């Protein structure tokens, strides 16, 4: 799939599907139009705010150019990073000092996740691996049904991981032993990606390639509720793709979720009742600040929606083709990364550009992390940096 163009016509993609019956997933992107827009050129920007890089570092070779979900994780004043080849490191989040680095013989495909004193990694070899947060010492390894492309999560002595076949596994955080398994069938054709479950209290909310959102009991895996976000429709498998690859965002008793090429919706956290839906294609992470819900769509448009009803508050459409990351909120600022390693800083009030900074020259596709007044960004090459806003430029 890496050798295929990122954009194909519907007819060409349908022929490809017919000719290759073993094809079960596709890379996210604009597969349905006749052409993809040329990446927008960066125009000269007069910055309105100052951006300071506190520190920068690098670990291994990043994603190694493969479609894996490597993200930075923050816990207890530390930032944890992993690369595709099994290098894992912990750094002081304040100054970037290396605290420990280890190398495991792993094909890391997702993570790290943190929780219960563990650093958690998913692999292409259908394993979940747990390391000690303080030292990087291996604690346990556990088999799961298939490759892991969602970041393992942990709380209340349970580790939750969703594998690429749609199965969700609950593991004992102390031993790695399986506690429960939730299974559901996957559609014939899906995006190359998996939604990361969100733990909230004693439940875990999971999105599936069928366009359904399910809440499970954290300790038992029992179904608490199920909601249809987008039902599949259309005559071909391509048209019927409704993957939930966004991570459920749980906030104020509401779950925000998006599906590929279809809808963004909000769901009641306790009952699964859908409050509203609107047509908008999303497959990257979303963020919110109580007054806004921020979404990057599949056409590289950044939207601010009213979380009460989904109405558009503003949109920023000046970055087509730049393969934007999901947005992150840092105070009064909204930030997205792009395919050339740039970070675009916008006003949360109206979306106008305030500044531009850079983390290396490789794409920033990983979820941006915010801790206090600091933004952490990881490039696909393994370069990462911590940045702060210094204030208005007069």
Protein backbone atom coordinates (compact mmCIF):
# COMPACT_ATOMS: atom_id res chain seq x y z
CA UNK A 1 0.00 0.00 0.00
CA UNK A 2 2.92 2.38 0.62
CA UNK A 3 3.63 2.49 -3.13
CA UNK A 4 0.09 3.52 -4.06
CA UNK A 5 -0.72 7.18 -4.65
CA UNK A 6 -2.48 8.80 -1.73
CA UNK A 7 -5.47 9.72 -3.87
CA UNK A 8 -7.39 7.39 -6.19
CA UNK A 9 -10.66 7.76 -8.03
CA UNK A 10 -13.55 5.68 -6.77
CA UNK A 11 -13.46 3.57 -9.92
CA UNK A 12 -9.75 2.83 -9.63
CA UNK A 13 -10.05 1.97 -5.95
CA UNK A 14 -13.00 -0.35 -6.65
CA UNK A 15 -11.00 -2.17 -9.32
CA UNK A 16 -8.12 -2.52 -6.89
CA UNK A 17 -10.45 -3.97 -4.28
CA UNK A 18 -11.89 -6.49 -6.75
CA UNK A 19 -8.45 -7.57 -7.91
CA UNK A 20 -7.05 -8.05 -4.43
CA UNK A 21 -9.52 -9.84 -2.19
CA UNK A 22 -7.03 -10.01 0.68
CA UNK A 23 -7.00 -6.22 1.06
CA UNK A 24 -8.64 -5.45 4.41
CA UNK A 25 -7.54 -1.90 5.20
CA UNK A 26 -6.62 1.38 3.56
CA UNK A 27 -4.50 4.35 4.55
CA UNK A 28 -6.56 7.35 5.67
CA UNK A 29 -6.65 10.21 3.24
CA UNK A 30 -8.55 11.46 0.25
CA UNK A 31 -9.28 8.18 -1.56
CA UNK A 32 -12.59 9.28 -2.97
CA UNK A 33 -11.85 12.33 -5.09
CA UNK A 34 -10.32 12.42 -8.56
CA UNK A 35 -7.37 14.43 -7.30
CA UNK A 36 -5.87 15.74 -4.12
CA UNK A 37 -5.09 19.45 -3.83
CA UNK A 38 -1.49 20.49 -3.97
CA UNK A 39 -0.24 21.33 -0.46
CA UNK A 40 -0.87 24.97 0.31
CA UNK A 41 2.32 27.02 0.30
CA UNK A 42 3.15 28.80 3.51
CA UNK A 43 2.64 32.53 3.21
CA UNK A 44 4.71 35.03 5.12
CA UNK A 45 3.22 35.48 8.56
CA UNK A 46 3.68 38.41 10.88
CA UNK A 47 3.61 36.69 14.28
CA UNK A 48 1.36 38.09 16.95
CA UNK A 49 2.70 35.90 19.74
CA UNK A 50 6.16 34.67 20.63
CA UNK A 51 6.92 30.93 20.73
CA UNK A 52 9.86 29.63 22.75
CA UNK A 53 11.32 26.13 22.42
CA UNK A 54 12.18 25.07 25.96
CA UNK A 55 14.08 22.01 24.85
CA UNK A 56 14.26 19.44 22.09
CA UNK A 57 15.46 15.86 21.88
CA UNK A 58 15.37 12.80 19.65
CA UNK A 59 14.79 9.10 20.18
CA UNK A 60 15.51 6.43 17.61
CA UNK A 61 13.94 6.52 14.17
CA UNK A 62 10.36 7.39 15.05
CA UNK A 63 7.70 5.64 12.99
CA UNK A 64 10.24 4.48 10.36
CA UNK A 65 7.81 5.67 7.70
CA UNK A 66 5.16 3.13 8.64
CA UNK A 67 1.51 3.61 9.55
CA UNK A 68 1.80 3.20 13.31
CA UNK A 69 0.43 5.21 16.21
CA UNK A 70 3.39 6.48 18.20
CA UNK A 71 2.55 9.37 20.50
CA UNK A 72 4.24 11.13 23.42
CA UNK A 73 2.81 10.37 26.86
CA UNK A 74 3.08 12.52 30.00
CA UNK A 75 2.85 11.40 33.63
CA UNK A 76 4.37 12.56 36.93
CA UNK A 77 6.54 15.25 35.35
CA UNK A 78 7.97 12.90 32.74
CA UNK A 79 7.45 12.50 29.01
CA UNK A 80 7.70 9.03 27.51
CA UNK A 81 8.50 8.33 23.85
CA UNK A 82 9.01 5.16 21.80
CA UNK A 83 10.17 4.38 18.28
CA UNK A 84 9.14 1.70 15.80
CA UNK A 85 12.17 -0.50 16.55
CA UNK A 86 11.67 -0.84 20.31
CA UNK A 87 13.60 2.09 21.74
CA UNK A 88 11.76 3.63 24.68
CA UNK A 89 12.85 6.63 26.72
CA UNK A 90 11.75 8.78 29.66
CA UNK A 91 12.65 12.47 29.81
CA UNK A 92 12.18 15.21 32.38
CA UNK A 93 9.23 17.19 31.02
CA UNK A 94 10.65 20.48 32.34
CA UNK A 95 14.10 20.42 30.76
CA UNK A 96 14.34 17.36 28.50
CA UNK A 97 16.95 15.58 30.62
CA UNK A 98 17.11 11.89 29.75
CA UNK A 99 16.06 9.80 32.76
CA UNK A 100 16.29 6.35 31.20
CA UNK A 101 16.41 4.64 27.83
CA UNK A 102 15.90 0.98 27.05
CA UNK A 103 15.83 -1.14 23.93
CA UNK A 104 13.41 -4.01 23.56
CA UNK A 105 13.20 -6.37 20.62
CA UNK A 106 9.78 -5.05 19.65
CA UNK A 107 7.98 -3.88 16.53
CA UNK A 108 6.23 -1.06 18.39
CA UNK A 109 3.02 -0.07 16.63
CA UNK A 110 1.20 1.97 19.30
CA UNK A 111 2.04 3.91 22.43
CA UNK A 112 3.35 4.59 24.79
CA UNK A 113 0.37 4.78 27.12
CA UNK A 114 0.85 5.45 30.82
CA UNK A 115 -1.06 4.50 33.96
CA UNK A 116 -0.85 2.37 37.09
CA UNK A 117 2.90 3.06 37.26
CA UNK A 118 3.42 1.50 33.83
CA UNK A 119 4.61 2.52 30.38
CA UNK A 120 2.52 0.50 27.92
CA UNK A 121 3.30 -0.41 24.32
CA UNK A 122 1.36 -2.25 21.62
CA UNK A 123 3.16 -4.21 18.90
CA UNK A 124 2.61 -5.47 15.37
CA UNK A 125 3.22 -8.95 16.77
CA UNK A 126 -0.02 -8.81 18.80
CA UNK A 127 1.55 -8.09 22.16
CA UNK A 128 1.12 -5.56 24.94
CA UNK A 129 4.35 -4.81 26.79
CA UNK A 130 4.51 -3.10 30.19
CA UNK A 131 7.58 -1.31 31.57
CA UNK A 132 8.11 0.30 34.96
CA UNK A 133 7.71 4.08 34.75
CA UNK A 134 10.58 4.77 37.16
CA UNK A 135 13.25 2.57 35.58
CA UNK A 136 12.07 1.19 32.24
CA UNK A 137 12.39 -2.35 33.59
CA UNK A 138 10.24 -4.92 31.80
CA UNK A 139 7.26 -5.88 33.98
CA UNK A 140 5.30 -8.22 31.70
CA UNK A 141 4.33 -9.11 28.14
CA UNK A 142 0.90 -10.32 27.13
CA UNK A 143 -0.62 -11.67 23.91
CA UNK A 144 -3.70 -10.04 22.40
CA UNK A 145 -5.76 -11.17 19.37
CA UNK A 146 -3.98 -9.14 16.65
CA UNK A 147 -1.76 -6.14 15.85
CA UNK A 148 -2.25 -3.14 18.13
CA UNK A 149 -2.73 0.30 16.54
CA UNK A 150 -4.40 1.96 19.52
CA UNK A 151 -2.54 3.30 22.54
CA UNK A 152 -2.97 1.01 25.56
CA UNK A 153 -4.77 2.67 28.49
CA UNK A 154 -4.69 1.84 32.21
CA UNK A 155 -6.69 2.67 35.35
CA UNK A 156 -8.02 0.89 38.43
CA UNK A 157 -5.52 -1.98 38.00
CA UNK A 158 -6.80 -2.74 34.47
CA UNK A 159 -5.00 -2.26 31.14
CA UNK A 160 -7.30 -1.86 28.12
CA UNK A 161 -6.16 -2.33 24.53
CA UNK A 162 -8.06 -2.46 21.25
CA UNK A 163 -6.50 -4.51 18.46
CA UNK A 164 -6.86 -3.97 14.73
CA UNK A 165 -9.46 -6.74 14.39
CA UNK A 166 -11.82 -4.72 16.61
CA UNK A 167 -11.42 -6.85 19.73
CA UNK A 168 -10.95 -5.09 23.08
CA UNK A 169 -8.95 -6.84 25.80
CA UNK A 170 -8.79 -6.10 29.52
CA UNK A 171 -5.56 -7.16 31.22
CA UNK A 172 -4.49 -7.26 34.86
CA UNK A 173 -2.13 -4.29 35.30
CA UNK A 174 0.02 -6.20 37.77
CA UNK A 175 0.52 -9.43 35.82
CA UNK A 176 -0.68 -8.90 32.25
CA UNK A 177 -3.12 -11.79 32.61
CA UNK A 178 -6.29 -11.50 30.54
CA UNK A 179 -9.35 -10.46 32.56
CA UNK A 180 -11.91 -10.16 29.76
CA UNK A 181 -12.32 -9.95 25.99
CA UNK A 182 -14.95 -8.05 24.02
CA UNK A 183 -15.43 -9.14 20.41
CA UNK A 184 -17.30 -7.75 17.45
CA UNK A 185 -16.89 -8.34 13.72
CA UNK A 186 -15.08 -5.80 11.54
CA UNK A 187 -16.24 -4.60 8.08
CA UNK A 188 -14.48 -6.05 4.99
CA UNK A 189 -12.65 -2.79 4.29
CA UNK A 190 -11.37 -0.35 6.90
CA UNK A 191 -8.84 2.42 7.36
CA UNK A 192 -5.38 1.49 8.59
CA UNK A 193 -5.95 2.66 12.14
CA UNK A 194 -7.83 2.04 15.37
CA UNK A 195 -9.56 4.32 17.83
CA UNK A 196 -7.90 4.44 21.25
CA UNK A 197 -10.33 3.57 24.07
CA UNK A 198 -11.03 6.32 26.64
CA UNK A 199 -11.29 5.35 30.30
CA UNK A 200 -13.68 7.45 32.37
CA UNK A 201 -14.38 6.35 35.94
CA UNK A 202 -15.28 2.67 35.93
CA UNK A 203 -16.15 2.50 32.23
CA UNK A 204 -14.21 2.48 28.97
CA UNK A 205 -15.60 3.99 25.75
CA UNK A 206 -14.52 2.37 22.48
CA UNK A 207 -15.08 3.30 18.83
CA UNK A 208 -15.32 0.66 16.09
CA UNK A 209 -14.92 0.46 12.31
CA UNK A 210 -18.64 -0.28 12.03
CA UNK A 211 -19.44 3.30 13.05
CA UNK A 212 -20.58 2.20 16.51
CA UNK A 213 -19.54 3.53 19.92
CA UNK A 214 -19.66 1.13 22.88
CA UNK A 215 -19.18 1.64 26.63
CA UNK A 216 -17.81 -1.35 28.57
CA UNK A 217 -17.37 -1.96 32.26
CA UNK A 218 -13.69 -1.42 33.01
CA UNK A 219 -13.40 -4.37 35.38
CA UNK A 220 -15.61 -6.85 33.52
CA UNK A 221 -15.87 -5.90 29.83
CA UNK A 222 -19.67 -6.07 30.00
CA UNK A 223 -21.59 -3.80 27.63
CA UNK A 224 -23.08 -0.76 29.37
CA UNK A 225 -24.52 0.84 26.23
CA UNK A 226 -24.06 0.96 22.47
CA UNK A 227 -24.70 3.85 20.09
CA UNK A 228 -24.78 3.96 16.30
CA UNK A 229 -22.85 7.08 15.28
CA UNK A 230 -23.04 6.51 11.53
CA UNK A 231 -24.72 3.50 9.89
CA UNK A 232 -22.94 2.22 6.75
CA UNK A 233 -24.64 3.24 3.50
CA UNK A 234 -23.84 3.01 -0.20
CA UNK A 235 -23.42 0.24 -2.74
CA UNK A 236 -19.67 -0.39 -2.52
CA UNK A 237 -17.49 -1.26 0.45
CA UNK A 238 -15.61 2.00 -0.13
CA UNK A 239 -18.78 4.05 0.16
CA UNK A 240 -19.82 2.12 3.29
CA UNK A 241 -16.64 2.91 5.25
CA UNK A 242 -17.65 4.61 8.52
CA UNK A 243 -14.56 3.90 10.64
CA UNK A 244 -14.27 5.51 14.03
CA UNK A 245 -10.55 6.20 14.19
CA UNK A 246 -10.81 9.33 16.33
CA UNK A 247 -10.24 8.75 20.02
CA UNK A 248 -13.41 9.28 22.07
CA UNK A 249 -13.11 12.60 23.91
CA UNK A 250 -14.94 12.41 27.25
CA UNK A 251 -15.67 15.76 28.88
CA UNK A 252 -18.37 16.98 31.22
CA UNK A 253 -20.50 13.85 30.95
CA UNK A 254 -20.43 13.95 27.13
CA UNK A 255 -18.50 11.83 24.63
CA UNK A 256 -17.35 13.59 21.44
CA UNK A 257 -16.59 11.30 18.50
CA UNK A 258 -16.08 11.42 14.73
CA UNK A 259 -16.28 8.96 11.84
CA UNK A 260 -14.38 8.88 8.56
CA UNK A 261 -16.17 10.63 5.63
CA UNK A 262 -19.41 10.97 7.57
CA UNK A 263 -20.20 12.56 10.93
CA UNK A 264 -19.13 14.15 14.18
CA UNK A 265 -21.44 13.51 17.10
CA UNK A 266 -21.91 13.89 20.86
CA UNK A 267 -23.21 11.10 23.08
CA UNK A 268 -24.32 11.01 26.71
CA UNK A 269 -21.57 9.31 28.71
CA UNK A 270 -23.97 7.48 31.04
CA UNK A 271 -26.64 6.30 28.57
CA UNK A 272 -25.23 6.42 25.03
CA UNK A 273 -28.05 8.69 23.83
CA UNK A 274 -26.90 10.72 20.81
CA UNK A 275 -27.44 14.44 21.41
CA UNK A 276 -26.51 15.69 17.94
CA UNK A 277 -24.80 14.72 14.71
CA UNK A 278 -23.42 16.76 11.84
CA UNK A 279 -21.81 15.89 8.53
CA UNK A 280 -18.05 16.17 8.93
CA UNK A 281 -15.32 13.64 8.13
CA UNK A 282 -12.72 13.15 10.86
CA UNK A 283 -10.10 10.50 11.62
CA UNK A 284 -7.62 12.38 13.84
CA UNK A 285 -7.90 13.35 17.49
CA UNK A 286 -10.27 16.12 18.60
CA UNK A 287 -9.96 18.60 21.46
CA UNK A 288 -12.21 20.96 23.38
CA UNK A 289 -12.06 23.88 25.81
CA UNK A 290 -15.67 23.85 27.10
CA UNK A 291 -16.72 26.64 24.72
CA UNK A 292 -15.48 24.98 21.53
CA UNK A 293 -15.07 21.54 20.03
CA UNK A 294 -12.10 21.51 17.65
CA UNK A 295 -11.86 19.10 14.72
CA UNK A 296 -9.46 18.64 11.80
CA UNK A 297 -11.36 17.13 8.88
CA UNK A 298 -10.16 14.90 6.05
CA UNK A 299 -9.79 17.94 3.76
CA UNK A 300 -7.36 19.65 6.20
CA UNK A 301 -9.91 22.19 7.37
CA UNK A 302 -9.82 23.05 11.08
CA UNK A 303 -13.28 23.58 12.58
CA UNK A 304 -14.48 25.11 15.81
CA UNK A 305 -17.95 23.77 16.63
CA UNK A 306 -20.41 24.66 19.37
CA UNK A 307 -20.29 21.60 21.67
CA UNK A 308 -23.96 22.12 22.58
CA UNK A 309 -25.35 21.62 19.08
CA UNK A 310 -22.53 21.17 16.53
CA UNK A 311 -23.04 24.58 14.91
CA UNK A 312 -20.01 26.08 13.17
CA UNK A 313 -18.33 28.85 15.14
CA UNK A 314 -15.47 29.29 12.69
CA UNK A 315 -13.29 27.34 10.28
CA UNK A 316 -9.71 27.71 9.06
CA UNK A 317 -9.41 26.45 5.48
CA UNK A 318 -6.09 27.96 4.38
CA UNK A 319 -4.04 24.74 4.75
CA UNK A 320 -5.36 22.24 2.17
CA UNK A 321 -3.08 19.31 1.40
CA UNK A 322 -0.82 19.94 4.40
CA UNK A 323 -1.88 16.68 6.13
CA UNK A 324 -2.73 18.29 9.41
CA UNK A 325 -2.65 16.60 12.79
CA UNK A 326 -5.51 16.76 15.22
CA UNK A 327 -5.75 20.10 17.07
CA UNK A 328 -4.56 20.78 20.62
CA UNK A 329 -5.69 23.58 22.93
CA UNK A 330 -3.12 25.53 24.92
CA UNK A 331 -4.92 28.30 26.79
CA UNK A 332 -6.14 30.84 24.25
CA UNK A 333 -4.34 29.09 21.40
CA UNK A 334 -5.13 26.21 19.07
CA UNK A 335 -2.24 24.29 17.48
CA UNK A 336 -2.00 21.78 14.61
CA UNK A 337 1.06 20.13 13.07
CA UNK A 338 1.65 19.45 9.36
CA UNK A 339 3.59 17.23 6.95
CA UNK A 340 6.68 19.48 6.92
CA UNK A 341 7.09 19.60 10.70
CA UNK A 342 5.47 23.01 11.17
CA UNK A 343 3.18 23.91 14.04
CA UNK A 344 0.45 26.41 13.18
CA UNK A 345 -0.76 28.51 16.12
CA UNK A 346 -4.27 29.98 15.86
CA UNK A 347 -6.66 31.97 18.02
CA UNK A 348 -9.31 29.81 19.67
CA UNK A 349 -11.75 32.71 19.23
CA UNK A 350 -11.74 33.04 15.44
CA UNK A 351 -9.06 30.71 14.02
CA UNK A 352 -6.77 33.38 12.57
CA UNK A 353 -3.05 32.58 12.46
CA UNK A 354 -0.96 33.93 15.32
CA UNK A 355 2.43 32.25 14.83
CA UNK A 356 4.31 29.40 13.22
CA UNK A 357 7.09 27.21 14.66
CA UNK A 358 8.83 24.02 13.61
CA UNK A 359 9.90 20.65 15.00
CA UNK A 360 12.36 19.20 12.48
CA UNK A 361 11.36 18.67 8.84
CA UNK A 362 9.36 15.45 9.11
CA UNK A 363 5.58 15.17 9.42
CA UNK A 364 3.83 15.74 12.71
CA UNK A 365 0.98 13.25 12.69
CA UNK A 366 1.06 12.18 16.34
CA UNK A 367 -1.36 13.71 18.78
CA UNK A 368 0.02 16.92 20.28
CA UNK A 369 0.20 16.86 24.07
CA UNK A 370 -0.45 19.74 26.46
CA UNK A 371 0.58 19.83 30.10
CA UNK A 372 -0.01 23.08 31.95
CA UNK A 373 1.46 25.90 29.87
CA UNK A 374 3.62 23.63 27.68
CA UNK A 375 2.95 21.96 24.33
CA UNK A 376 4.82 18.78 23.39
CA UNK A 377 5.13 17.77 19.72
CA UNK A 378 6.61 14.59 18.23
CA UNK A 379 7.70 14.28 14.60
CA UNK A 380 7.66 11.02 12.65
CA UNK A 381 11.48 10.97 12.64
CA UNK A 382 11.62 10.74 16.44
CA UNK A 383 12.43 14.43 17.00
CA UNK A 384 10.32 16.06 19.68
CA UNK A 385 10.19 19.38 21.49
CA UNK A 386 8.56 21.29 24.31
CA UNK A 387 7.25 24.78 23.52
CA UNK A 388 5.65 27.67 25.37
CA UNK A 389 4.00 30.94 24.39
CA UNK A 390 6.03 33.88 25.66
CA UNK A 391 3.26 36.44 25.14
CA UNK A 392 1.97 38.98 22.60
CA UNK A 393 4.36 40.67 20.17
CA UNK A 394 3.70 44.40 20.03
